[in-house]
Amino acid sequence: MKKTGLIIIKLFVGLFACALGIVMTINANLGLSPWDVFHQGFANLLGITIGKAHIIVGLSLVITDHLIGEKVGWGTLSNMLFVGLFIDFLMLNKLVPTFNGFIPNLVMMLLGVFTLGVGSYLYIDVGLGSGPRDGLMIALVKKTGKSVRFVKNSVELMAVIVGYMLGGYIGVGTLIMAIAGGYLTQFAFKIAKFDVKEVQHRFIDDDIKFIKEKFSNKLTDGEEVHTEEEN
């Protein structure tokens, strides 16, 4: 039970760190990350907050992931819901500062990407499934046979184009994050001595199977006891 509690704490600390990193990049006001260009454009279209847009887009991606055969974990669903809630909490309460000047904003943006990398490490390391956007990338890599880089770049390019058409903000920061984002995330993983390939995920399907087996075993045990009593 104690171990489960620590896993949940680590998961939510990671999700909060992801939200904090995203808000830092938004408040840097140098241009949004590819997915956040789409989230902002979608938010503008519906007249909602960017956090709510994050949740709605995440839900649609979870459904898509499931339909094309990618497994969904509790961490996936938690990412879908709570990152968006945390984003709105931080932004609506103005808990992340804004700065004037290119250099301070550039520093905050890069720190935001690094913080997002730390958050990704924390929530992925608990082994409860990847986020909706990463799940889509993994599923498309499996389906198309293309490289991770090709699929990631293609999906993010589409997100940027559609998001920009809907009014999402593109700037020099968008380009910097597209180029440096992977390196900063990898740097965060390196500091934590974390290898994403070594994580063994537990998915919702696994829990359902486990519960069915437990229930089946109990029924079998009950039948055996009943038979012994009759004999």
C-alpha atoms as a PDB file:
ATOM      1  CA  MET A   1       0.000   0.000   0.000  1.00  0.00           C
ATOM      2  CA  LYS A   2       2.870   2.350   0.874  1.00  0.00           C
ATOM      3  CA  LYS A   3       4.489   1.635  -2.504  1.00  0.00           C
ATOM      4  CA  THR A   4       1.233   2.428  -4.315  1.00  0.00           C
ATOM      5  CA  GLY A   5       0.999   5.736  -2.455  1.00  0.00           C
ATOM      6  CA  LEU A   6       4.533   6.694  -3.467  1.00  0.00           C
ATOM      7  CA  ILE A   7       3.782   5.812  -7.093  1.00  0.00           C
ATOM      8  CA  ILE A   8       0.695   8.048  -7.085  1.00  0.00           C
ATOM      9  CA  ILE A   9       2.643  10.915  -5.490  1.00  0.00           C
ATOM     10  CA  LYS A  10       5.434  10.574  -8.055  1.00  0.00           C
ATOM     11  CA  LEU A  11       2.891  10.472 -10.889  1.00  0.00           C
ATOM     12  CA  PHE A  12       1.144  13.664  -9.797  1.00  0.00           C
ATOM     13  CA  VAL A  13       4.363  15.526  -9.016  1.00  0.00           C
ATOM     14  CA  GLY A  14       5.430  14.648 -12.563  1.00  0.00           C
ATOM     15  CA  LEU A  15       2.144  15.828 -14.083  1.00  0.00           C
ATOM     16  CA  PHE A  16       2.328  19.092 -12.130  1.00  0.00           C
ATOM     17  CA  ALA A  17       5.919  19.606 -13.302  1.00  0.00           C
ATOM     18  CA  CYS A  18       4.757  19.046 -16.896  1.00  0.00           C
ATOM     19  CA  ALA A  19       2.061  21.694 -16.465  1.00  0.00           C
ATOM     20  CA  LEU A  20       4.524  24.090 -14.825  1.00  0.00           C
ATOM     21  CA  GLY A  21       6.970  23.641 -17.700  1.00  0.00           C
ATOM     22  CA  ILE A  22       4.239  24.267 -20.266  1.00  0.00           C
ATOM     23  CA  VAL A  23       3.060  27.447 -18.511  1.00  0.00           C
ATOM     24  CA  MET A  24       6.658  28.701 -18.288  1.00  0.00           C
ATOM     25  CA  THR A  25       7.032  28.314 -22.056  1.00  0.00           C
ATOM     26  CA  ILE A  26       3.683  30.048 -22.625  1.00  0.00           C
ATOM     27  CA  ASN A  27       4.507  32.977 -20.324  1.00  0.00           C
ATOM     28  CA  ALA A  28       7.903  33.410 -21.992  1.00  0.00           C
ATOM     29  CA  ASN A  29       5.843  34.786 -24.909  1.00  0.00           C
ATOM     30  CA  LEU A  30       8.399  33.845 -27.558  1.00  0.00           C
ATOM     31  CA  GLY A  31       6.149  31.412 -29.393  1.00  0.00           C
ATOM     32  CA  LEU A  32       4.467  28.222 -28.280  1.00  0.00           C
ATOM     33  CA  SER A  33       5.602  24.631 -28.621  1.00  0.00           C
ATOM     34  CA  PRO A  34       4.093  22.801 -31.630  1.00  0.00           C
ATOM     35  CA  TRP A  35       1.321  21.091 -29.646  1.00  0.00           C
ATOM     36  CA  ASP A  36       0.547  24.230 -27.641  1.00  0.00           C
ATOM     37  CA  VAL A  37       0.142  26.221 -30.869  1.00  0.00           C
ATOM     38  CA  PHE A  38      -2.645  23.754 -31.645  1.00  0.00           C
ATOM     39  CA  HIS A  39      -4.056  23.881 -28.090  1.00  0.00           C
ATOM     40  CA  GLN A  40      -4.169  27.682 -28.154  1.00  0.00           C
ATOM     41  CA  GLY A  41      -5.773  27.747 -31.595  1.00  0.00           C
ATOM     42  CA  PHE A  42      -8.351  25.185 -30.478  1.00  0.00           C
ATOM     43  CA  ALA A  43      -9.003  27.216 -27.312  1.00  0.00           C
ATOM     44  CA  ASN A  44      -9.536  30.345 -29.421  1.00  0.00           C
ATOM     45  CA  LEU A  45     -11.972  28.474 -31.658  1.00  0.00           C
ATOM     46  CA  LEU A  46     -14.135  27.254 -28.767  1.00  0.00           C
ATOM     47  CA  GLY A  47     -13.637  30.232 -26.454  1.00  0.00           C
ATOM     48  CA  ILE A  48     -12.204  28.103 -23.642  1.00  0.00           C
ATOM     49  CA  THR A  49      -9.002  28.085 -21.584  1.00  0.00           C
ATOM     50  CA  ILE A  50      -5.870  26.449 -22.929  1.00  0.00           C
ATOM     51  CA  GLY A  51      -6.051  23.934 -20.075  1.00  0.00           C
ATOM     52  CA  LYS A  52      -9.516  22.809 -21.133  1.00  0.00           C
ATOM     53  CA  ALA A  53      -8.324  22.622 -24.737  1.00  0.00           C
ATOM     54  CA  HIS A  54      -5.446  20.429 -23.536  1.00  0.00           C
ATOM     55  CA  ILE A  55      -7.956  18.075 -21.875  1.00  0.00           C
ATOM     56  CA  ILE A  56     -10.323  17.862 -24.869  1.00  0.00           C
ATOM     57  CA  VAL A  57      -7.475  17.255 -27.324  1.00  0.00           C
ATOM     58  CA  GLY A  58      -6.004  14.685 -24.927  1.00  0.00           C
ATOM     59  CA  LEU A  59      -9.330  12.839 -24.703  1.00  0.00           C
ATOM     60  CA  SER A  60      -9.660  12.690 -28.492  1.00  0.00           C
ATOM     61  CA  LEU A  61      -6.091  11.350 -28.726  1.00  0.00           C
ATOM     62  CA  VAL A  62      -6.720   8.692 -26.058  1.00  0.00           C
ATOM     63  CA  ILE A  63      -9.739   7.485 -28.045  1.00  0.00           C
ATOM     64  CA  THR A  64      -7.679   7.528 -31.253  1.00  0.00           C
ATOM     65  CA  ASP A  65      -4.825   5.651 -29.563  1.00  0.00           C
ATOM     66  CA  HIS A  66      -7.245   2.965 -28.387  1.00  0.00           C
ATOM     67  CA  LEU A  67      -8.921   2.632 -31.792  1.00  0.00           C
ATOM     68  CA  ILE A  68      -5.606   2.098 -33.604  1.00  0.00           C
ATOM     69  CA  GLY A  69      -4.427  -0.470 -31.084  1.00  0.00           C
ATOM     70  CA  GLU A  70      -2.228   1.432 -28.620  1.00  0.00           C
ATOM     71  CA  LYS A  71      -2.723   0.422 -24.981  1.00  0.00           C
ATOM     72  CA  VAL A  72      -3.883   3.010 -22.476  1.00  0.00           C
ATOM     73  CA  GLY A  73      -2.722   3.188 -18.861  1.00  0.00           C
ATOM     74  CA  TRP A  74      -3.930   5.009 -15.773  1.00  0.00           C
ATOM     75  CA  GLY A  75      -1.016   7.389 -16.273  1.00  0.00           C
ATOM     76  CA  THR A  76      -2.336   8.149 -19.763  1.00  0.00           C
ATOM     77  CA  LEU A  77      -5.759   9.105 -18.411  1.00  0.00           C
ATOM     78  CA  SER A  78      -4.216  11.081 -15.544  1.00  0.00           C
ATOM     79  CA  ASN A  79      -2.031  12.981 -18.006  1.00  0.00           C
ATOM     80  CA  MET A  80      -5.052  13.705 -20.186  1.00  0.00           C
ATOM     81  CA  LEU A  81      -7.019  15.256 -17.314  1.00  0.00           C
ATOM     82  CA  PHE A  82      -4.682  16.682 -14.700  1.00  0.00           C
ATOM     83  CA  VAL A  83      -2.047  18.405 -16.841  1.00  0.00           C
ATOM     84  CA  GLY A  84      -4.814  20.585 -18.286  1.00  0.00           C
ATOM     85  CA  LEU A  85      -6.286  21.254 -14.835  1.00  0.00           C
ATOM     86  CA  PHE A  86      -2.865  22.183 -13.463  1.00  0.00           C
ATOM     87  CA  ILE A  87      -2.207  24.483 -16.448  1.00  0.00           C
ATOM     88  CA  ASP A  88      -5.412  26.416 -15.755  1.00  0.00           C
ATOM     89  CA  PHE A  89      -4.680  26.517 -12.009  1.00  0.00           C
ATOM     90  CA  LEU A  90      -1.255  28.042 -12.621  1.00  0.00           C
ATOM     91  CA  MET A  91      -2.382  30.476 -15.317  1.00  0.00           C
ATOM     92  CA  LEU A  92      -5.657  31.676 -13.813  1.00  0.00           C
ATOM     93  CA  ASN A  93      -3.969  32.325 -10.461  1.00  0.00           C
ATOM     94  CA  LYS A  94      -0.940  33.928 -12.165  1.00  0.00           C
ATOM     95  CA  LEU A  95       1.495  31.743 -10.227  1.00  0.00           C
ATOM     96  CA  VAL A  96       4.164  31.817 -12.941  1.00  0.00           C
ATOM     97  CA  PRO A  97       5.780  35.237 -13.546  1.00  0.00           C
ATOM     98  CA  THR A  98       6.179  37.077 -16.832  1.00  0.00           C
ATOM     99  CA  PHE A  99       9.227  39.124 -17.811  1.00  0.00           C
ATOM    100  CA  ASN A 100      10.144  41.946 -20.155  1.00  0.00           C
ATOM    101  CA  GLY A 101      13.123  41.436 -22.415  1.00  0.00           C
ATOM    102  CA  PHE A 102      14.256  38.696 -24.745  1.00  0.00           C
ATOM    103  CA  ILE A 103      16.983  37.176 -22.547  1.00  0.00           C
ATOM    104  CA  PRO A 104      14.882  36.647 -19.367  1.00  0.00           C
ATOM    105  CA  ASN A 105      12.076  35.169 -21.456  1.00  0.00           C
ATOM    106  CA  LEU A 106      14.487  32.926 -23.357  1.00  0.00           C
ATOM    107  CA  VAL A 107      15.913  31.644 -20.063  1.00  0.00           C
ATOM    108  CA  MET A 108      12.419  30.968 -18.687  1.00  0.00           C
ATOM    109  CA  MET A 109      11.396  29.194 -21.881  1.00  0.00           C
ATOM    110  CA  LEU A 110      14.441  26.906 -21.798  1.00  0.00           C
ATOM    111  CA  LEU A 111      13.923  26.241 -18.078  1.00  0.00           C
ATOM    112  CA  GLY A 112      10.304  25.458 -18.890  1.00  0.00           C
ATOM    113  CA  VAL A 113      11.298  22.863 -21.482  1.00  0.00           C
ATOM    114  CA  PHE A 114      13.746  21.353 -18.978  1.00  0.00           C
ATOM    115  CA  THR A 115      11.032  21.293 -16.273  1.00  0.00           C
ATOM    116  CA  LEU A 116       8.715  19.564 -18.730  1.00  0.00           C
ATOM    117  CA  GLY A 117      11.453  16.971 -19.285  1.00  0.00           C
ATOM    118  CA  VAL A 118      11.759  16.385 -15.531  1.00  0.00           C
ATOM    119  CA  GLY A 119       7.991  15.985 -15.299  1.00  0.00           C
ATOM    120  CA  SER A 120       8.009  13.526 -18.197  1.00  0.00           C
ATOM    121  CA  TYR A 121      10.667  11.447 -16.444  1.00  0.00           C
ATOM    122  CA  LEU A 122       8.680  11.353 -13.194  1.00  0.00           C
ATOM    123  CA  TYR A 123       5.351  10.295 -14.696  1.00  0.00           C
ATOM    124  CA  ILE A 124       6.793   7.879 -17.267  1.00  0.00           C
ATOM    125  CA  ASP A 125       9.020   6.209 -14.658  1.00  0.00           C
ATOM    126  CA  VAL A 126       6.020   4.979 -12.642  1.00  0.00           C
ATOM    127  CA  GLY A 127       5.155   2.695 -15.579  1.00  0.00           C
ATOM    128  CA  LEU A 128       1.447   3.493 -15.923  1.00  0.00           C
ATOM    129  CA  GLY A 129       1.444   4.370 -19.612  1.00  0.00           C
ATOM    130  CA  SER A 130       2.654   7.248 -21.751  1.00  0.00           C
ATOM    131  CA  GLY A 131       0.779  10.488 -22.376  1.00  0.00           C
ATOM    132  CA  PRO A 132      -1.904  10.744 -25.100  1.00  0.00           C
ATOM    133  CA  ARG A 133       0.397  12.573 -27.543  1.00  0.00           C
ATOM    134  CA  ASP A 134       3.314  10.184 -27.055  1.00  0.00           C
ATOM    135  CA  GLY A 135       0.885   7.279 -27.343  1.00  0.00           C
ATOM    136  CA  LEU A 136      -0.266   8.573 -30.735  1.00  0.00           C
ATOM    137  CA  MET A 137       3.338   8.848 -31.909  1.00  0.00           C
ATOM    138  CA  ILE A 138       4.128   5.296 -30.765  1.00  0.00           C
ATOM    139  CA  ALA A 139       0.987   3.916 -32.408  1.00  0.00           C
ATOM    140  CA  LEU A 140       1.743   5.647 -35.724  1.00  0.00           C
ATOM    141  CA  VAL A 141       5.340   4.405 -35.671  1.00  0.00           C
ATOM    142  CA  LYS A 142       4.022   0.850 -35.278  1.00  0.00           C
ATOM    143  CA  LYS A 143       1.368   1.281 -37.970  1.00  0.00           C
ATOM    144  CA  THR A 144       3.475   3.049 -40.604  1.00  0.00           C
ATOM    145  CA  GLY A 145       6.895   1.526 -39.968  1.00  0.00           C
ATOM    146  CA  LYS A 146       8.403   5.021 -40.182  1.00  0.00           C
ATOM    147  CA  SER A 147      11.044   6.332 -37.780  1.00  0.00           C
ATOM    148  CA  VAL A 148      10.126   8.050 -34.513  1.00  0.00           C
ATOM    149  CA  ARG A 149      11.739  11.265 -35.757  1.00  0.00           C
ATOM    150  CA  PHE A 150       9.724  11.238 -39.006  1.00  0.00           C
ATOM    151  CA  VAL A 151       6.416  10.550 -37.253  1.00  0.00           C
ATOM    152  CA  LYS A 152       7.068  13.067 -34.458  1.00  0.00           C
ATOM    153  CA  ASN A 153       8.062  15.809 -36.884  1.00  0.00           C
ATOM    154  CA  SER A 154       5.104  15.074 -39.173  1.00  0.00           C
ATOM    155  CA  VAL A 155       2.532  15.107 -36.361  1.00  0.00           C
ATOM    156  CA  GLU A 156       3.961  18.265 -34.786  1.00  0.00           C
ATOM    157  CA  LEU A 157       4.121  20.019 -38.167  1.00  0.00           C
ATOM    158  CA  MET A 158       0.434  19.278 -38.702  1.00  0.00           C
ATOM    159  CA  ALA A 159      -0.341  20.514 -35.173  1.00  0.00           C
ATOM    160  CA  VAL A 160       1.529  23.769 -35.849  1.00  0.00           C
ATOM    161  CA  ILE A 161      -0.146  24.385 -39.214  1.00  0.00           C
ATOM    162  CA  VAL A 162      -3.681  23.720 -37.968  1.00  0.00           C
ATOM    163  CA  GLY A 163      -3.045  25.588 -34.716  1.00  0.00           C
ATOM    164  CA  TYR A 164      -1.659  28.611 -36.554  1.00  0.00           C
ATOM    165  CA  MET A 165      -4.674  28.665 -38.871  1.00  0.00           C
ATOM    166  CA  LEU A 166      -6.871  28.734 -35.752  1.00  0.00           C
ATOM    167  CA  GLY A 167      -4.917  31.633 -34.243  1.00  0.00           C
ATOM    168  CA  GLY A 168      -2.195  29.877 -32.257  1.00  0.00           C
ATOM    169  CA  TYR A 169       0.963  31.895 -31.590  1.00  0.00           C
ATOM    170  CA  ILE A 170       4.112  30.990 -33.540  1.00  0.00           C
ATOM    171  CA  GLY A 171       7.395  32.748 -32.806  1.00  0.00           C
ATOM    172  CA  VAL A 172      11.122  32.222 -32.550  1.00  0.00           C
ATOM    173  CA  GLY A 173      10.465  30.164 -29.415  1.00  0.00           C
ATOM    174  CA  THR A 174       8.488  27.652 -31.473  1.00  0.00           C
ATOM    175  CA  LEU A 175      11.554  26.991 -33.612  1.00  0.00           C
ATOM    176  CA  ILE A 176      13.907  26.910 -30.614  1.00  0.00           C
ATOM    177  CA  MET A 177      11.705  24.408 -28.764  1.00  0.00           C
ATOM    178  CA  ALA A 178      11.337  22.250 -31.862  1.00  0.00           C
ATOM    179  CA  ILE A 179      15.134  22.078 -32.168  1.00  0.00           C
ATOM    180  CA  ALA A 180      16.275  22.151 -28.530  1.00  0.00           C
ATOM    181  CA  GLY A 181      13.311  20.451 -26.840  1.00  0.00           C
ATOM    182  CA  GLY A 182      14.554  16.927 -27.416  1.00  0.00           C
ATOM    183  CA  TYR A 183      18.043  17.758 -26.189  1.00  0.00           C
ATOM    184  CA  LEU A 184      16.802  19.404 -22.981  1.00  0.00           C
ATOM    185  CA  THR A 185      14.450  16.502 -22.268  1.00  0.00           C
ATOM    186  CA  GLN A 186      17.288  14.053 -22.850  1.00  0.00           C
ATOM    187  CA  PHE A 187      19.485  16.139 -20.523  1.00  0.00           C
ATOM    188  CA  ALA A 188      16.837  15.881 -17.790  1.00  0.00           C
ATOM    189  CA  PHE A 189      16.669  12.110 -18.330  1.00  0.00           C
ATOM    190  CA  LYS A 190      20.461  11.884 -18.168  1.00  0.00           C
ATOM    191  CA  ILE A 191      20.616  13.728 -14.847  1.00  0.00           C
ATOM    192  CA  ALA A 192      18.044  11.296 -13.439  1.00  0.00           C
ATOM    193  CA  LYS A 193      19.935   8.343 -15.010  1.00  0.00           C
ATOM    194  CA  PHE A 194      16.679   7.378 -16.664  1.00  0.00           C
ATOM    195  CA  ASP A 195      16.345   5.148 -19.726  1.00  0.00           C
ATOM    196  CA  VAL A 196      12.810   5.228 -21.094  1.00  0.00           C
ATOM    197  CA  LYS A 197      13.394   1.895 -22.874  1.00  0.00           C
ATOM    198  CA  GLU A 198      13.784   0.100 -19.538  1.00  0.00           C
ATOM    199  CA  VAL A 199      10.346   1.085 -18.225  1.00  0.00           C
ATOM    200  CA  GLN A 200       7.838  -1.774 -18.126  1.00  0.00           C
ATOM    201  CA  HIS A 201       4.380  -0.218 -18.358  1.00  0.00           C
ATOM    202  CA  ARG A 202       1.262  -1.612 -16.735  1.00  0.00           C
ATOM    203  CA  PHE A 203      -1.871  -0.834 -18.717  1.00  0.00           C
ATOM    204  CA  ILE A 204      -5.570  -0.782 -17.863  1.00  0.00           C
ATOM    205  CA  ASP A 205      -5.993  -4.012 -19.864  1.00  0.00           C
ATOM    206  CA  ASP A 206      -3.506  -5.682 -17.514  1.00  0.00           C
ATOM    207  CA  ASP A 207      -5.507  -4.613 -14.446  1.00  0.00           C
ATOM    208  CA  ILE A 208      -8.770  -5.836 -15.981  1.00  0.00           C
ATOM    209  CA  LYS A 209      -7.129  -9.172 -16.798  1.00  0.00           C
ATOM    210  CA  PHE A 210      -5.743  -9.405 -13.248  1.00  0.00           C
ATOM    211  CA  ILE A 211      -9.185  -8.743 -11.713  1.00  0.00           C
ATOM    212  CA  LYS A 212     -10.822 -11.327 -14.000  1.00  0.00           C
ATOM    213  CA  GLU A 213      -8.223 -13.936 -13.043  1.00  0.00           C
ATOM    214  CA  LYS A 214      -8.704 -13.208  -9.338  1.00  0.00           C
ATOM    215  CA  PHE A 215     -12.481 -13.452  -9.705  1.00  0.00           C
ATOM    216  CA  SER A 216     -12.178 -16.662 -11.726  1.00  0.00           C
ATOM    217  CA  ASN A 217      -9.842 -18.206  -9.139  1.00  0.00           C
ATOM    218  CA  LYS A 218     -12.269 -17.364  -6.339  1.00  0.00           C
ATOM    219  CA  LEU A 219     -15.126 -18.991  -8.244  1.00  0.00           C
ATOM    220  CA  THR A 220     -12.988 -22.085  -8.863  1.00  0.00           C
ATOM    221  CA  ASP A 221     -11.958 -22.278  -5.200  1.00  0.00           C
ATOM    222  CA  GLY A 222     -15.590 -21.915  -4.144  1.00  0.00           C
ATOM    223  CA  GLU A 223     -16.675 -24.738  -6.468  1.00  0.00           C
ATOM    224  CA  GLU A 224     -13.920 -26.999  -5.129  1.00  0.00           C
ATOM    225  CA  VAL A 225     -14.974 -26.354  -1.520  1.00  0.00           C
ATOM    226  CA  HIS A 226     -18.615 -27.030  -2.426  1.00  0.00           C
ATOM    227  CA  THR A 227     -17.652 -30.331  -4.128  1.00  0.00           C
ATOM    228  CA  GLU A 228     -15.608 -31.442  -1.121  1.00  0.00           C
ATOM    229  CA  GLU A 229     -18.528 -30.702   1.202  1.00  0.00           C
ATOM    230  CA  GLU A 230     -20.869 -32.816  -0.956  1.00  0.00           C
ATOM    231  CA  ASN A 231     -18.392 -35.717  -0.892  1.00  0.00           C
END
